[in-house]
Amino acid sequence: MQAYAVSYSKYLIAASMVLYTFLAYVALPSGKDVRRTCETLQRLCIGVFTINAYLTMAIIAGDEYLFTFGLLQLVIVIGTALLNRFLYKSANMLMVNNIMMMLSTGLVMISRINHDKAQKQLLIALAGMLFMLLFPLLRSHFDALRKGTYLYGIMGIGALAAVLLLGAITNGSKLSFTIAGLTFQPSEFVKILFLLFMASALCEENSKSHIALLTGAALVHIGILVVSRDLGSALIFFVIYLALLFLSTGKWEVLLGGVLIGLVTAVLCYFLFAHVRVRVQVFLDPWSSIDGSGYQITQALFAISFGGLFGAGLMQGMPSSIPFVESDFIFAAIIEEMGIIFGICLILLCLNIFTDFLLLAGSYSSKFYRLYTFGAAIAFIFQAFLTIGGEVKFIPLTGVTLPLVSYGGSSVLATFVLFSTIGAIFMLQDERMERFEKRYEAEHAGAAGGYGARNVSSEQTQSYGGGGDRDQDFYRDFKGVPIYDPGRDYENTNHFDV
């Protein structure tokens, strides 16, 4: 039985992940019926992956409780996805399924490394899932979010300053503090406040004085993180700032200037912080200090090379030989036991989420929602790049987690909050667009000339994520000015022109 578990389960794990990823890309541009079929098959893939993985570990370890835990995890994950579909007809189920697949992958590997930590991770993830189910109930009030610009900035700076003054030192950096036995890493949640701050500030005006004030506030956020030596988070905040500023202004000189400033700052950090110099040296030549500072990355590289295409099989590798493997090097552990094919699919899933968010951002006429969603996409994919790039020695290590996969309560919960916000905004926009379409058709049916002369096809009125891509040109007049604004109350409006 053990020989079967080791020899064949790894191929089933790889096959379920490959099929899931394929379905994610099929669903991305497709209409309602195709997406429904894909989401059902995706949940089946999650079930096959989870049951097979935990059954394999239970057989090899001789521990029935592992399989029981896997069944509990599967019930929670699939149950949450089904509840989302049942409660919200316009829910973005592709995003929900991707969340559940990445979370399941992380929980399987963390269970294999340290089962106690897997239990804690699942408990925290359950809190995140409850938030994801309840938060959309407040979506009708989301328009008020754009008004809290300075409140977001003050709250974010205050939280980061509290960590700087009161936080515990972990590996030379002040990252977190403990309250009532629970450890929090505020920078994960401040990232969301920073996105709200940037989006609300840039959706109003782009004058030089306003951008200068915004830049100053952003530099305070980043500066506190640098002083706290949380350089990975500081880099993510800077990239968010630069990306949103570029999107809002459309000026390439802003992007170029930001990149140059980033490069200069990186050089300064190299000379100011000893641990940065160590990480750069380890990146350039980890083998010269294989028994010292280079031990972690060299062990990760050994693990990746040992895995091969299909992995060594669950319980057949040595992921625990990598220090902080469940938090900082989970991707290397996944490749060691599940294989390079599985790892490539995991990267493709990250890109699928990123693409999905970009398409959502591009479909919104509200600048605030567009900026926030675009910023969330950048924050997610850049953090994934920093984590995976560091583990495969493509870039120096930064110490950030792989969202939803790595062990870390603050990271998992903050990612759920971020994704829940994106999902709720999508529902709000989809429902408003549906109401607009119905009123437009009712009030302009049979009219001649002007807007009334346009015919609305079923393809044009299908919503992104609920049934295909909208024809955005339909919602603009001949000058390109939007005739639909999600921020307006069309329920009590007698005309549609802005």
Protein backbone atom coordinates (compact mmCIF):
# COMPACT_ATOMS: atom_id res chain seq x y z
CA MET A 1 0.00 0.00 0.00
CA GLN A 2 2.83 2.40 0.85
CA ALA A 3 4.54 1.62 -2.45
CA TYR A 4 1.33 2.52 -4.29
CA ALA A 5 0.94 5.72 -2.31
CA VAL A 6 4.47 6.84 -3.14
CA SER A 7 4.59 5.64 -6.75
CA TYR A 8 1.23 6.75 -8.11
CA SER A 9 -0.21 9.46 -5.90
CA LYS A 10 2.29 12.06 -7.11
CA TYR A 11 1.07 11.62 -10.68
CA LEU A 12 -2.53 12.07 -9.59
CA ILE A 13 -1.55 15.18 -7.64
CA ALA A 14 0.19 16.65 -10.69
CA ALA A 15 -2.69 15.71 -13.01
CA SER A 16 -5.33 17.31 -10.78
CA MET A 17 -3.29 20.52 -10.58
CA VAL A 18 -2.67 20.63 -14.33
CA LEU A 19 -6.37 20.14 -15.07
CA TYR A 20 -7.36 22.75 -12.50
CA THR A 21 -4.98 25.31 -14.01
CA PHE A 22 -6.16 24.54 -17.54
CA LEU A 23 -9.77 25.10 -16.46
CA ALA A 24 -8.82 28.41 -14.82
CA TYR A 25 -7.53 29.74 -18.13
CA VAL A 26 -10.48 28.33 -20.08
CA ALA A 27 -12.90 30.06 -17.70
CA LEU A 28 -11.14 33.44 -17.70
CA PRO A 29 -12.48 34.77 -21.05
CA SER A 30 -15.54 32.53 -21.32
CA GLY A 31 -19.28 33.07 -20.96
CA LYS A 32 -21.61 32.11 -18.16
CA ASP A 33 -22.31 28.49 -19.13
CA VAL A 34 -18.66 27.59 -19.74
CA ARG A 35 -17.59 29.24 -16.50
CA ARG A 36 -20.19 27.30 -14.53
CA THR A 37 -18.93 24.03 -15.99
CA CYS A 38 -15.31 24.97 -15.30
CA GLU A 39 -15.97 25.97 -11.69
CA THR A 40 -17.70 22.64 -11.01
CA LEU A 41 -14.79 20.70 -12.49
CA GLN A 42 -12.34 22.85 -10.55
CA ARG A 43 -14.00 21.94 -7.27
CA LEU A 44 -13.72 18.29 -8.31
CA CYS A 45 -9.98 18.80 -8.91
CA ILE A 46 -9.59 20.37 -5.45
CA GLY A 47 -11.36 17.35 -3.95
CA VAL A 48 -9.20 14.82 -5.80
CA PHE A 49 -6.01 16.67 -4.88
CA THR A 50 -6.89 17.03 -1.20
CA ILE A 51 -8.15 13.48 -0.62
CA ASN A 52 -5.24 11.92 -2.51
CA ALA A 53 -2.63 14.03 -0.70
CA TYR A 54 -3.92 13.39 2.81
CA LEU A 55 -4.63 9.72 2.14
CA THR A 56 -1.04 9.31 0.95
CA MET A 57 0.38 11.04 4.03
CA ALA A 58 -1.89 9.05 6.36
CA ILE A 59 -0.83 5.71 4.82
CA ILE A 60 2.88 6.49 4.94
CA ALA A 61 2.81 8.02 8.42
CA GLY A 62 0.36 5.44 9.77
CA ASP A 63 -1.71 8.27 11.21
CA GLU A 64 -5.46 8.14 10.49
CA TYR A 65 -5.94 11.58 11.99
CA LEU A 66 -4.12 13.12 9.01
CA PHE A 67 -6.82 11.85 6.68
CA THR A 68 -9.56 13.05 9.05
CA PHE A 69 -7.97 16.51 9.05
CA GLY A 70 -7.85 16.44 5.25
CA LEU A 71 -11.56 15.61 5.03
CA LEU A 72 -12.35 18.46 7.44
CA GLN A 73 -10.25 20.82 5.34
CA LEU A 74 -12.02 19.71 2.18
CA VAL A 75 -15.49 20.19 3.70
CA ILE A 76 -14.58 23.72 4.81
CA VAL A 77 -12.99 24.70 1.50
CA ILE A 78 -15.66 23.27 -0.81
CA GLY A 79 -18.44 24.32 1.54
CA THR A 80 -17.24 27.92 1.49
CA ALA A 81 -17.08 27.92 -2.31
CA LEU A 82 -20.61 26.52 -2.58
CA LEU A 83 -21.94 29.03 -0.05
CA ASN A 84 -20.46 31.85 -2.12
CA ARG A 85 -22.27 30.53 -5.18
CA PHE A 86 -25.53 30.09 -3.25
CA LEU A 87 -25.51 33.47 -1.46
CA TYR A 88 -24.26 35.67 -4.30
CA LYS A 89 -25.36 34.92 -7.85
CA SER A 90 -22.84 37.44 -9.21
CA ALA A 91 -19.88 36.15 -7.18
CA ASN A 92 -16.58 35.84 -9.03
CA MET A 93 -16.27 32.08 -8.59
CA LEU A 94 -13.03 31.86 -10.56
CA MET A 95 -11.38 33.99 -7.89
CA VAL A 96 -13.02 32.00 -5.08
CA ASN A 97 -11.87 28.68 -6.53
CA ASN A 98 -8.33 29.97 -7.03
CA ILE A 99 -8.24 31.07 -3.40
CA MET A 100 -9.33 27.62 -2.28
CA MET A 101 -6.84 25.77 -4.49
CA MET A 102 -3.88 27.84 -3.32
CA LEU A 103 -4.98 27.56 0.30
CA SER A 104 -5.40 23.78 -0.03
CA THR A 105 -1.91 23.47 -1.52
CA GLY A 106 -0.39 25.38 1.38
CA LEU A 107 -2.31 23.41 4.01
CA VAL A 108 -1.25 20.07 2.51
CA MET A 109 2.44 21.01 2.60
CA ILE A 110 2.26 22.62 6.04
CA SER A 111 0.50 19.48 7.37
CA ARG A 112 3.33 17.40 5.97
CA ILE A 113 5.93 19.61 7.72
CA ASN A 114 4.21 20.53 11.00
CA HIS A 115 0.66 19.39 11.67
CA ASP A 116 0.16 21.73 14.64
CA LYS A 117 0.88 24.73 12.43
CA ALA A 118 -1.51 23.38 9.79
CA GLN A 119 -4.29 23.30 12.39
CA LYS A 120 -3.62 26.93 13.30
CA GLN A 121 -3.49 27.91 9.62
CA LEU A 122 -6.85 26.26 8.91
CA LEU A 123 -8.44 27.98 11.90
CA ILE A 124 -7.22 31.39 10.74
CA ALA A 125 -8.27 30.62 7.17
CA LEU A 126 -11.74 29.72 8.47
CA ALA A 127 -12.00 33.20 9.98
CA GLY A 128 -10.98 34.63 6.60
CA MET A 129 -13.61 32.54 4.82
CA LEU A 130 -16.32 33.77 7.18
CA PHE A 131 -15.23 37.32 6.44
CA MET A 132 -15.39 36.58 2.70
CA LEU A 133 -18.96 35.29 3.09
CA LEU A 134 -20.23 38.21 5.20
CA PHE A 135 -18.32 41.21 3.88
CA PRO A 136 -20.23 41.51 0.55
CA LEU A 137 -23.38 42.25 2.55
CA LEU A 138 -21.95 45.76 3.05
CA ARG A 139 -21.24 46.36 -0.64
CA SER A 140 -24.02 48.94 -1.07
CA HIS A 141 -21.99 51.27 1.19
CA PHE A 142 -18.70 50.88 -0.67
CA ASP A 143 -18.94 54.22 -2.45
CA ALA A 144 -18.22 55.89 0.90
CA LEU A 145 -14.77 54.26 0.94
CA ARG A 146 -13.41 56.87 -1.46
CA LYS A 147 -13.95 59.59 1.16
CA GLY A 148 -11.55 58.27 3.79
CA THR A 149 -8.27 59.32 2.18
CA TYR A 150 -6.48 60.92 5.12
CA LEU A 151 -8.02 58.53 7.65
CA TYR A 152 -6.45 55.61 5.80
CA GLY A 153 -3.09 57.34 5.75
CA ILE A 154 -3.16 58.23 9.44
CA MET A 155 -4.28 54.74 10.46
CA GLY A 156 -1.60 53.09 8.33
CA ILE A 157 1.22 55.30 9.58
CA GLY A 158 0.03 54.87 13.17
CA ALA A 159 -0.01 51.08 12.92
CA LEU A 160 3.47 50.93 11.37
CA ALA A 161 4.82 53.37 13.95
CA ALA A 162 3.39 51.21 16.75
CA VAL A 163 5.34 48.23 15.43
CA LEU A 164 8.50 50.33 15.17
CA LEU A 165 8.18 51.44 18.79
CA LEU A 166 6.65 48.37 20.44
CA GLY A 167 7.26 45.48 18.07
CA ALA A 168 9.35 42.42 18.76
CA ILE A 169 12.57 41.89 16.84
CA THR A 170 12.51 38.85 14.54
CA ASN A 171 15.71 38.02 12.64
CA GLY A 172 16.87 41.62 13.01
CA SER A 173 13.59 43.21 11.87
CA LYS A 174 10.64 44.64 13.76
CA LEU A 175 7.72 42.94 12.08
CA SER A 176 5.06 42.15 14.67
CA PHE A 177 3.76 42.48 18.20
CA THR A 178 1.78 40.16 20.46
CA ILE A 179 -1.57 40.88 22.10
CA ALA A 180 -3.26 38.35 24.40
CA GLY A 181 -0.98 35.62 23.10
CA LEU A 182 -1.77 36.35 19.46
CA THR A 183 0.97 37.64 17.16
CA PHE A 184 0.09 40.20 14.47
CA GLN A 185 2.10 41.56 11.58
CA PRO A 186 0.37 44.91 10.93
CA SER A 187 2.16 45.62 7.65
CA GLU A 188 0.01 42.93 5.99
CA PHE A 189 -3.17 44.83 6.89
CA VAL A 190 -1.67 48.28 6.40
CA LYS A 191 -1.06 47.21 2.81
CA ILE A 192 -4.86 47.25 2.32
CA LEU A 193 -5.15 50.67 4.02
CA PHE A 194 -2.36 51.91 1.76
CA LEU A 195 -4.25 50.72 -1.33
CA LEU A 196 -7.38 52.53 -0.12
CA PHE A 197 -5.32 55.62 0.64
CA MET A 198 -3.69 55.73 -2.79
CA ALA A 199 -6.88 54.92 -4.72
CA SER A 200 -9.03 57.47 -2.88
CA ALA A 201 -6.37 60.18 -3.19
CA LEU A 202 -5.69 59.67 -6.89
CA CYS A 203 -9.32 59.34 -7.94
CA GLU A 204 -10.01 63.00 -7.04
CA GLU A 205 -7.20 65.03 -8.62
CA ASN A 206 -3.70 64.78 -10.08
CA SER A 207 -2.34 68.29 -9.49
CA LYS A 208 1.36 68.63 -8.71
CA SER A 209 0.73 69.86 -5.17
CA HIS A 210 -1.67 67.00 -4.47
CA ILE A 211 0.75 64.40 -5.83
CA ALA A 212 3.58 65.95 -3.78
CA LEU A 213 1.49 65.61 -0.60
CA LEU A 214 0.55 62.06 -1.55
CA THR A 215 4.18 61.21 -2.23
CA GLY A 216 5.20 62.55 1.15
CA ALA A 217 2.63 60.38 2.92
CA ALA A 218 3.72 57.34 0.92
CA LEU A 219 7.36 57.97 1.81
CA VAL A 220 6.43 58.09 5.50
CA HIS A 221 4.87 54.62 5.19
CA ILE A 222 7.89 53.28 3.34
CA GLY A 223 10.38 55.07 5.58
CA ILE A 224 8.95 53.52 8.75
CA LEU A 225 9.18 50.08 7.17
CA VAL A 226 12.79 50.71 6.16
CA VAL A 227 13.71 51.86 9.67
CA SER A 228 11.96 48.74 11.00
CA ARG A 229 14.15 46.78 8.57
CA ASP A 230 11.07 45.24 6.94
CA LEU A 231 12.56 45.90 3.53
CA GLY A 232 10.44 43.34 1.68
CA SER A 233 7.22 45.09 2.72
CA ALA A 234 8.78 48.49 2.02
CA LEU A 235 9.53 47.38 -1.54
CA ILE A 236 5.93 46.16 -2.04
CA PHE A 237 4.55 49.49 -0.76
CA PHE A 238 6.84 51.40 -3.11
CA VAL A 239 5.78 49.33 -6.13
CA ILE A 240 2.10 49.87 -5.26
CA TYR A 241 2.69 53.62 -5.01
CA LEU A 242 4.56 53.79 -8.29
CA ALA A 243 2.10 51.60 -10.22
CA LEU A 244 -0.97 53.53 -9.08
CA LEU A 245 0.66 56.90 -9.69
CA PHE A 246 1.57 55.81 -13.21
CA LEU A 247 -1.90 54.44 -13.90
CA SER A 248 -3.53 57.63 -12.64
CA THR A 249 -1.30 60.10 -14.50
CA GLY A 250 -0.39 58.02 -17.55
CA LYS A 251 3.05 59.66 -17.61
CA TRP A 252 5.98 57.43 -18.48
CA GLU A 253 8.42 59.85 -16.87
CA VAL A 254 6.73 59.07 -13.54
CA LEU A 255 7.42 55.37 -14.03
CA LEU A 256 10.99 55.94 -15.20
CA GLY A 257 11.73 58.35 -12.37
CA GLY A 258 10.30 55.93 -9.83
CA VAL A 259 12.43 53.07 -11.14
CA LEU A 260 15.57 55.23 -10.92
CA ILE A 261 14.71 56.30 -7.37
CA GLY A 262 14.11 52.66 -6.47
CA LEU A 263 17.52 51.64 -7.83
CA VAL A 264 19.28 54.43 -5.93
CA THR A 265 17.45 53.49 -2.74
CA ALA A 266 18.43 49.83 -3.19
CA VAL A 267 22.10 50.83 -3.42
CA LEU A 268 21.77 52.97 -0.28
CA CYS A 269 20.15 50.10 1.61
CA TYR A 270 23.03 47.88 0.54
CA PHE A 271 25.50 50.16 2.28
CA LEU A 272 23.28 51.01 5.26
CA PHE A 273 22.13 47.52 6.30
CA ALA A 274 24.49 44.65 6.95
CA HIS A 275 21.78 41.99 6.42
CA VAL A 276 21.13 43.38 2.93
CA ARG A 277 24.80 42.95 2.06
CA VAL A 278 24.66 39.40 3.39
CA ARG A 279 21.60 38.59 1.29
CA VAL A 280 23.21 40.01 -1.83
CA GLN A 281 26.38 38.00 -1.21
CA VAL A 282 24.30 34.85 -0.65
CA PHE A 283 22.44 35.56 -3.88
CA LEU A 284 25.68 35.95 -5.83
CA ASP A 285 27.48 32.95 -4.33
CA PRO A 286 25.58 30.88 -1.75
CA TRP A 287 27.99 27.96 -2.10
CA SER A 288 30.88 29.85 -0.51
CA SER A 289 28.94 30.00 2.77
CA ILE A 290 26.97 26.77 2.49
CA ASP A 291 27.43 26.04 6.21
CA GLY A 292 26.52 29.57 7.22
CA SER A 293 24.45 32.34 5.67
CA GLY A 294 24.04 30.40 2.42
CA TYR A 295 22.66 27.27 4.10
CA GLN A 296 18.98 28.16 3.69
CA ILE A 297 19.06 28.95 -0.03
CA THR A 298 21.37 26.05 -0.91
CA GLN A 299 19.08 23.60 0.88
CA ALA A 300 16.16 25.06 -1.07
CA LEU A 301 18.03 24.60 -4.35
CA PHE A 302 18.87 21.01 -3.42
CA ALA A 303 15.18 20.41 -2.67
CA ILE A 304 14.07 21.84 -6.01
CA SER A 305 16.60 19.77 -7.95
CA PHE A 306 15.63 16.63 -6.02
CA GLY A 307 11.95 17.01 -6.91
CA GLY A 308 12.16 16.64 -10.67
CA LEU A 309 9.06 16.92 -12.86
CA PHE A 310 6.63 15.02 -10.61
CA GLY A 311 8.34 15.38 -7.24
CA ALA A 312 9.75 12.80 -4.88
CA GLY A 313 6.26 12.17 -3.49
CA LEU A 314 4.67 13.35 -0.28
CA MET A 315 6.62 12.33 2.84
CA GLN A 316 9.61 11.34 0.67
CA GLY A 317 11.61 14.57 0.74
CA MET A 318 13.37 16.49 3.48
CA PRO A 319 11.68 19.91 3.53
CA SER A 320 12.36 20.33 7.25
CA SER A 321 16.08 20.63 6.45
CA ILE A 322 15.32 24.16 5.14
CA PRO A 323 15.11 26.70 7.99
CA PHE A 324 11.73 28.50 8.21
CA VAL A 325 10.54 26.33 5.33
CA GLU A 326 6.80 26.59 6.03
CA SER A 327 6.85 30.38 5.98
CA ASP A 328 9.76 31.55 3.80
CA PHE A 329 10.49 28.55 1.54
CA ILE A 330 7.18 26.76 1.05
CA PHE A 331 7.51 26.88 -2.75
CA ALA A 332 10.79 24.93 -2.65
CA ALA A 333 9.19 22.31 -0.37
CA ILE A 334 6.22 21.99 -2.76
CA ILE A 335 8.48 21.38 -5.74
CA GLU A 336 10.57 18.84 -3.81
CA GLU A 337 7.60 16.59 -3.05
CA MET A 338 5.00 17.58 -5.68
CA GLY A 339 7.27 18.39 -8.60
CA ILE A 340 8.25 21.11 -11.03
CA ILE A 341 5.04 20.66 -13.04
CA PHE A 342 2.99 21.37 -9.94
CA GLY A 343 5.17 24.40 -9.16
CA ILE A 344 4.75 25.81 -12.67
CA CYS A 345 0.98 25.41 -12.35
CA LEU A 346 1.08 27.26 -9.04
CA ILE A 347 2.89 30.15 -10.74
CA LEU A 348 0.32 30.09 -13.55
CA LEU A 349 -2.47 30.27 -10.96
CA CYS A 350 -0.88 33.40 -9.51
CA LEU A 351 -0.78 34.88 -13.01
CA ASN A 352 -4.41 33.84 -13.55
CA ILE A 353 -5.49 35.76 -10.44
CA PHE A 354 -3.41 38.74 -11.58
CA THR A 355 -4.98 38.70 -15.05
CA ASP A 356 -8.46 38.32 -13.60
CA PHE A 357 -7.93 41.41 -11.41
CA LEU A 358 -6.56 43.42 -14.33
CA LEU A 359 -9.58 42.58 -16.46
CA LEU A 360 -11.87 43.57 -13.60
CA ALA A 361 -10.04 46.87 -13.11
CA GLY A 362 -10.28 47.66 -16.81
CA SER A 363 -14.04 47.05 -16.83
CA TYR A 364 -14.86 49.62 -14.11
CA SER A 365 -15.82 53.19 -15.00
CA SER A 366 -15.30 54.31 -11.38
CA LYS A 367 -11.70 55.49 -11.09
CA PHE A 368 -11.57 54.66 -7.39
CA TYR A 369 -12.56 51.02 -7.92
CA ARG A 370 -10.31 50.78 -10.96
CA LEU A 371 -7.26 52.04 -9.05
CA TYR A 372 -7.94 49.90 -6.00
CA THR A 373 -8.38 46.70 -8.01
CA PHE A 374 -5.33 47.40 -10.16
CA GLY A 375 -3.27 48.11 -7.03
CA ALA A 376 -4.43 44.85 -5.45
CA ALA A 377 -3.36 42.97 -8.57
CA ILE A 378 0.10 44.56 -8.44
CA ALA A 379 0.46 43.91 -4.70
CA PHE A 380 -0.45 40.25 -5.07
CA ILE A 381 1.66 39.37 -8.09
CA PHE A 382 4.70 41.33 -6.93
CA GLN A 383 4.66 39.64 -3.53
CA ALA A 384 4.40 36.25 -5.25
CA PHE A 385 7.32 37.23 -7.50
CA LEU A 386 9.47 38.26 -4.52
CA THR A 387 8.79 34.98 -2.73
CA ILE A 388 9.21 32.57 -5.63
CA GLY A 389 12.05 34.57 -7.19
CA GLY A 390 14.00 34.48 -3.94
CA GLU A 391 13.50 30.75 -3.44
CA VAL A 392 14.77 29.83 -6.90
CA LYS A 393 17.70 32.31 -6.63
CA PHE A 394 16.37 34.57 -9.36
CA ILE A 395 16.53 37.57 -7.01
CA PRO A 396 17.94 38.08 -3.48
CA LEU A 397 15.76 36.84 -0.62
CA THR A 398 13.26 39.31 0.84
CA GLY A 399 11.55 37.22 3.53
CA VAL A 400 7.95 37.83 2.38
CA THR A 401 5.34 35.07 2.25
CA LEU A 402 3.62 33.46 -0.72
CA PRO A 403 -0.01 34.63 -0.34
CA LEU A 404 -2.44 31.91 0.85
CA VAL A 405 0.24 29.21 0.60
CA SER A 406 2.92 30.09 3.16
CA TYR A 407 2.36 29.67 6.88
CA GLY A 408 1.48 32.94 8.56
CA GLY A 409 -1.80 33.98 10.13
CA SER A 410 -1.54 37.70 9.37
CA SER A 411 -0.65 37.05 5.74
CA VAL A 412 -3.52 34.60 5.18
CA LEU A 413 -6.12 36.73 6.93
CA ALA A 414 -5.01 39.95 5.19
CA THR A 415 -5.11 38.20 1.81
CA PHE A 416 -8.66 37.04 2.48
CA VAL A 417 -9.64 40.61 3.40
CA LEU A 418 -8.01 41.93 0.22
CA PHE A 419 -9.65 39.34 -2.03
CA SER A 420 -13.01 39.73 -0.28
CA THR A 421 -12.94 43.44 -1.05
CA ILE A 422 -12.18 42.77 -4.71
CA GLY A 423 -14.97 40.21 -4.88
CA ALA A 424 -17.50 42.52 -3.23
CA ILE A 425 -16.62 45.39 -5.58
CA PHE A 426 -17.13 43.07 -8.52
CA MET A 427 -20.58 42.06 -7.24
CA LEU A 428 -21.52 45.70 -6.72
CA GLN A 429 -20.45 46.71 -10.22
CA ASP A 430 -22.12 43.71 -11.82
CA GLU A 431 -25.43 44.34 -10.07
CA ARG A 432 -25.41 48.06 -10.92
CA MET A 433 -24.61 47.34 -14.53
CA GLU A 434 -27.44 44.83 -14.70
CA ARG A 435 -29.90 47.40 -13.32
CA PHE A 436 -28.60 49.99 -15.75
CA GLU A 437 -29.03 47.66 -18.71
CA LYS A 438 -32.61 46.82 -17.76
CA ARG A 439 -33.57 50.47 -17.33
CA TYR A 440 -31.76 51.48 -20.50
CA GLU A 441 -33.56 48.86 -22.54
CA ALA A 442 -36.92 49.73 -20.97
CA GLU A 443 -36.63 53.49 -21.47
CA HIS A 444 -35.09 53.42 -24.94
CA ALA A 445 -36.95 50.50 -26.49
CA GLY A 446 -38.09 51.46 -29.97
CA ALA A 447 -36.63 54.96 -29.80
CA ALA A 448 -35.13 56.36 -32.99
CA GLY A 449 -31.83 58.22 -33.23
CA GLY A 450 -29.36 59.15 -30.46
CA TYR A 451 -28.71 56.54 -27.86
CA GLY A 452 -32.10 54.93 -28.45
CA ALA A 453 -30.98 53.78 -31.89
CA ARG A 454 -28.41 51.41 -30.41
CA ASN A 455 -29.31 47.77 -30.11
CA VAL A 456 -28.12 45.86 -27.07
CA SER A 457 -27.15 42.33 -27.98
CA SER A 458 -27.08 39.51 -25.47
CA GLU A 459 -23.33 39.27 -25.93
CA GLN A 460 -22.88 42.95 -25.14
CA THR A 461 -24.94 42.80 -21.97
CA GLN A 462 -23.26 39.76 -20.48
CA SER A 463 -21.25 40.74 -17.44
CA TYR A 464 -17.59 39.98 -16.98
CA GLY A 465 -17.21 37.12 -14.55
CA GLY A 466 -20.90 36.28 -14.72
CA GLY A 467 -21.27 35.68 -18.41
CA GLY A 468 -18.61 37.05 -20.75
CA ASP A 469 -17.02 40.42 -21.39
CA ARG A 470 -19.08 43.56 -21.79
CA ASP A 471 -18.73 45.72 -24.87
CA GLN A 472 -17.39 48.76 -23.05
CA ASP A 473 -17.89 51.02 -26.08
CA PHE A 474 -21.63 50.57 -25.70
CA TYR A 475 -21.54 52.47 -22.42
CA ARG A 476 -19.80 55.49 -23.90
CA ASP A 477 -21.11 58.25 -26.13
CA PHE A 478 -19.57 59.17 -29.47
CA LYS A 479 -16.98 61.39 -27.73
CA GLY A 480 -15.82 58.55 -25.50
CA VAL A 481 -17.42 59.99 -22.36
CA PRO A 482 -18.90 57.31 -20.06
CA ILE A 483 -22.69 57.30 -19.96
CA TYR A 484 -22.68 54.93 -16.99
CA ASP A 485 -21.14 55.79 -13.63
CA PRO A 486 -21.28 53.11 -10.93
CA GLY A 487 -21.15 55.84 -8.30
CA ARG A 488 -24.53 57.29 -9.34
CA ASP A 489 -27.95 56.24 -8.06
CA TYR A 490 -29.74 55.12 -11.21
CA GLU A 491 -32.65 53.77 -9.21
CA ASN A 492 -33.87 57.33 -8.69
CA THR A 493 -32.55 58.94 -11.85
CA ASN A 494 -34.64 59.69 -14.95
CA HIS A 495 -31.77 59.98 -17.45
CA PHE A 496 -28.42 58.37 -18.10
CA ASP A 497 -26.28 61.03 -19.69
CA VAL A 498 -23.43 62.41 -17.60
